[in-house]
Amino acid sequence: MTAQLTYEELAALMKSGAGVSVDPQQMENSPGSAFDEYGLDSLGLLGIVAALENRYGHPLPVDADRCKTPREFLDLVNNTLVTGA
């Protein structure tokens, strides 16, 4: 586990939490692609948010499950981890 969530970790969470297999390199190369292009819906993203809240021991911002792209989600999560907000 790193102090920053990576595309590789996000892809693993998508697989374990929502059953969606994504190549992390593809996500990193196209970080602005929408989650729905990868087959991840809002319920799946909500499950990922819950898993991360359990992992890090504090809540993510309330709008975390509304992120539309991997880049937006990683920026939000990683900024939260840095600030501890």
C-alpha atoms as a PDB file:
ATOM      1  CA  MET A   1       0.000   0.000   0.000  1.00  0.00           C
ATOM      2  CA  THR A   2       1.338   3.401  -0.914  1.00  0.00           C
ATOM      3  CA  ALA A   3       0.625   6.854   0.459  1.00  0.00           C
ATOM      4  CA  GLN A   4      -0.842   7.667  -2.945  1.00  0.00           C
ATOM      5  CA  LEU A   5      -3.467   5.604  -4.731  1.00  0.00           C
ATOM      6  CA  THR A   6      -2.148   4.460  -8.115  1.00  0.00           C
ATOM      7  CA  TYR A   7      -3.853   3.412 -11.328  1.00  0.00           C
ATOM      8  CA  GLU A   8      -2.727  -0.147 -10.590  1.00  0.00           C
ATOM      9  CA  GLU A   9      -4.399  -0.098  -7.168  1.00  0.00           C
ATOM     10  CA  LEU A  10      -7.529   1.486  -8.631  1.00  0.00           C
ATOM     11  CA  ALA A  11      -7.709  -1.246 -11.274  1.00  0.00           C
ATOM     12  CA  ALA A  12      -7.369  -3.902  -8.540  1.00  0.00           C
ATOM     13  CA  LEU A  13     -10.169  -2.256  -6.543  1.00  0.00           C
ATOM     14  CA  MET A  14     -12.351  -2.141  -9.657  1.00  0.00           C
ATOM     15  CA  LYS A  15     -11.765  -5.878 -10.133  1.00  0.00           C
ATOM     16  CA  SER A  16     -12.313  -6.909  -6.513  1.00  0.00           C
ATOM     17  CA  GLY A  17     -15.091  -4.474  -5.677  1.00  0.00           C
ATOM     18  CA  ALA A  18     -17.084  -4.341  -8.891  1.00  0.00           C
ATOM     19  CA  GLY A  19     -15.883  -7.292 -10.958  1.00  0.00           C
ATOM     20  CA  VAL A  20     -14.597  -4.961 -13.673  1.00  0.00           C
ATOM     21  CA  SER A  21     -11.283  -5.927 -15.269  1.00  0.00           C
ATOM     22  CA  VAL A  22      -9.285  -2.962 -16.509  1.00  0.00           C
ATOM     23  CA  ASP A  23      -5.714  -2.697 -17.710  1.00  0.00           C
ATOM     24  CA  PRO A  24      -4.131  -0.118 -15.378  1.00  0.00           C
ATOM     25  CA  GLN A  25      -1.779   1.010 -18.141  1.00  0.00           C
ATOM     26  CA  GLN A  26      -4.746   1.718 -20.416  1.00  0.00           C
ATOM     27  CA  MET A  27      -6.381   3.766 -17.649  1.00  0.00           C
ATOM     28  CA  GLU A  28      -3.162   5.677 -17.033  1.00  0.00           C
ATOM     29  CA  ASN A  29      -2.748   6.373 -20.747  1.00  0.00           C
ATOM     30  CA  SER A  30      -6.365   7.651 -20.994  1.00  0.00           C
ATOM     31  CA  PRO A  31      -7.088   9.027 -17.511  1.00  0.00           C
ATOM     32  CA  GLY A  32      -9.837  11.284 -18.820  1.00  0.00           C
ATOM     33  CA  SER A  33     -11.916   8.385 -20.100  1.00  0.00           C
ATOM     34  CA  ALA A  34     -15.163   8.005 -18.206  1.00  0.00           C
ATOM     35  CA  PHE A  35     -15.587   5.186 -15.702  1.00  0.00           C
ATOM     36  CA  ASP A  36     -18.622   3.977 -17.621  1.00  0.00           C
ATOM     37  CA  GLU A  37     -16.372   3.336 -20.637  1.00  0.00           C
ATOM     38  CA  TYR A  38     -14.645   0.731 -18.464  1.00  0.00           C
ATOM     39  CA  GLY A  39     -17.955  -0.716 -17.288  1.00  0.00           C
ATOM     40  CA  LEU A  40     -17.861   0.816 -13.797  1.00  0.00           C
ATOM     41  CA  ASP A  41     -21.154   2.304 -12.649  1.00  0.00           C
ATOM     42  CA  SER A  42     -21.863   4.606  -9.703  1.00  0.00           C
ATOM     43  CA  LEU A  43     -22.658   1.681  -7.389  1.00  0.00           C
ATOM     44  CA  GLY A  44     -19.309   0.094  -8.197  1.00  0.00           C
ATOM     45  CA  LEU A  45     -17.530   3.371  -7.506  1.00  0.00           C
ATOM     46  CA  LEU A  46     -19.396   3.701  -4.217  1.00  0.00           C
ATOM     47  CA  GLY A  47     -18.041   0.270  -3.223  1.00  0.00           C
ATOM     48  CA  ILE A  48     -14.505   1.414  -4.067  1.00  0.00           C
ATOM     49  CA  VAL A  49     -14.983   4.536  -1.954  1.00  0.00           C
ATOM     50  CA  ALA A  50     -16.121   2.383   0.989  1.00  0.00           C
ATOM     51  CA  ALA A  51     -13.122   0.052   0.577  1.00  0.00           C
ATOM     52  CA  LEU A  52     -10.727   3.009   0.585  1.00  0.00           C
ATOM     53  CA  GLU A  53     -12.393   4.548   3.622  1.00  0.00           C
ATOM     54  CA  ASN A  54     -11.895   1.253   5.443  1.00  0.00           C
ATOM     55  CA  ARG A  55      -8.298   0.995   4.239  1.00  0.00           C
ATOM     56  CA  TYR A  56      -7.264   4.488   5.273  1.00  0.00           C
ATOM     57  CA  GLY A  57      -9.460   4.790   8.350  1.00  0.00           C
ATOM     58  CA  HIS A  58     -11.175   8.051   7.500  1.00  0.00           C
ATOM     59  CA  PRO A  59     -13.932   9.205   5.169  1.00  0.00           C
ATOM     60  CA  LEU A  60     -13.337  10.497   1.679  1.00  0.00           C
ATOM     61  CA  PRO A  61     -15.106  13.670   0.542  1.00  0.00           C
ATOM     62  CA  VAL A  62     -18.845  13.195   0.041  1.00  0.00           C
ATOM     63  CA  ASP A  63     -18.526  13.768  -3.694  1.00  0.00           C
ATOM     64  CA  ALA A  64     -15.926  10.993  -4.199  1.00  0.00           C
ATOM     65  CA  ASP A  65     -18.530   8.627  -5.626  1.00  0.00           C
ATOM     66  CA  ARG A  66     -19.535  11.279  -8.173  1.00  0.00           C
ATOM     67  CA  CYS A  67     -16.161  11.370  -9.932  1.00  0.00           C
ATOM     68  CA  LYS A  68     -16.513  10.602 -13.616  1.00  0.00           C
ATOM     69  CA  THR A  69     -12.944   9.681 -14.592  1.00  0.00           C
ATOM     70  CA  PRO A  70      -9.988   7.819 -13.072  1.00  0.00           C
ATOM     71  CA  ARG A  71      -7.921  11.037 -13.076  1.00  0.00           C
ATOM     72  CA  GLU A  72     -10.609  12.970 -11.218  1.00  0.00           C
ATOM     73  CA  PHE A  73     -11.001  10.157  -8.675  1.00  0.00           C
ATOM     74  CA  LEU A  74      -7.268   9.672  -8.084  1.00  0.00           C
ATOM     75  CA  ASP A  75      -6.722  13.428  -7.724  1.00  0.00           C
ATOM     76  CA  LEU A  76      -9.506  13.665  -5.151  1.00  0.00           C
ATOM     77  CA  VAL A  77      -8.374  10.603  -3.171  1.00  0.00           C
ATOM     78  CA  ASN A  78      -4.691  11.508  -3.250  1.00  0.00           C
ATOM     79  CA  ASN A  79      -5.336  15.138  -2.286  1.00  0.00           C
ATOM     80  CA  THR A  80      -7.410  13.869   0.631  1.00  0.00           C
ATOM     81  CA  LEU A  81      -4.615  11.516   1.711  1.00  0.00           C
ATOM     82  CA  VAL A  82      -2.044  14.320   1.587  1.00  0.00           C
ATOM     83  CA  THR A  83      -4.152  16.805   3.523  1.00  0.00           C
ATOM     84  CA  GLY A  84      -5.731  14.257   5.820  1.00  0.00           C
ATOM     85  CA  ALA A  85      -9.080  15.925   5.250  1.00  0.00           C
END
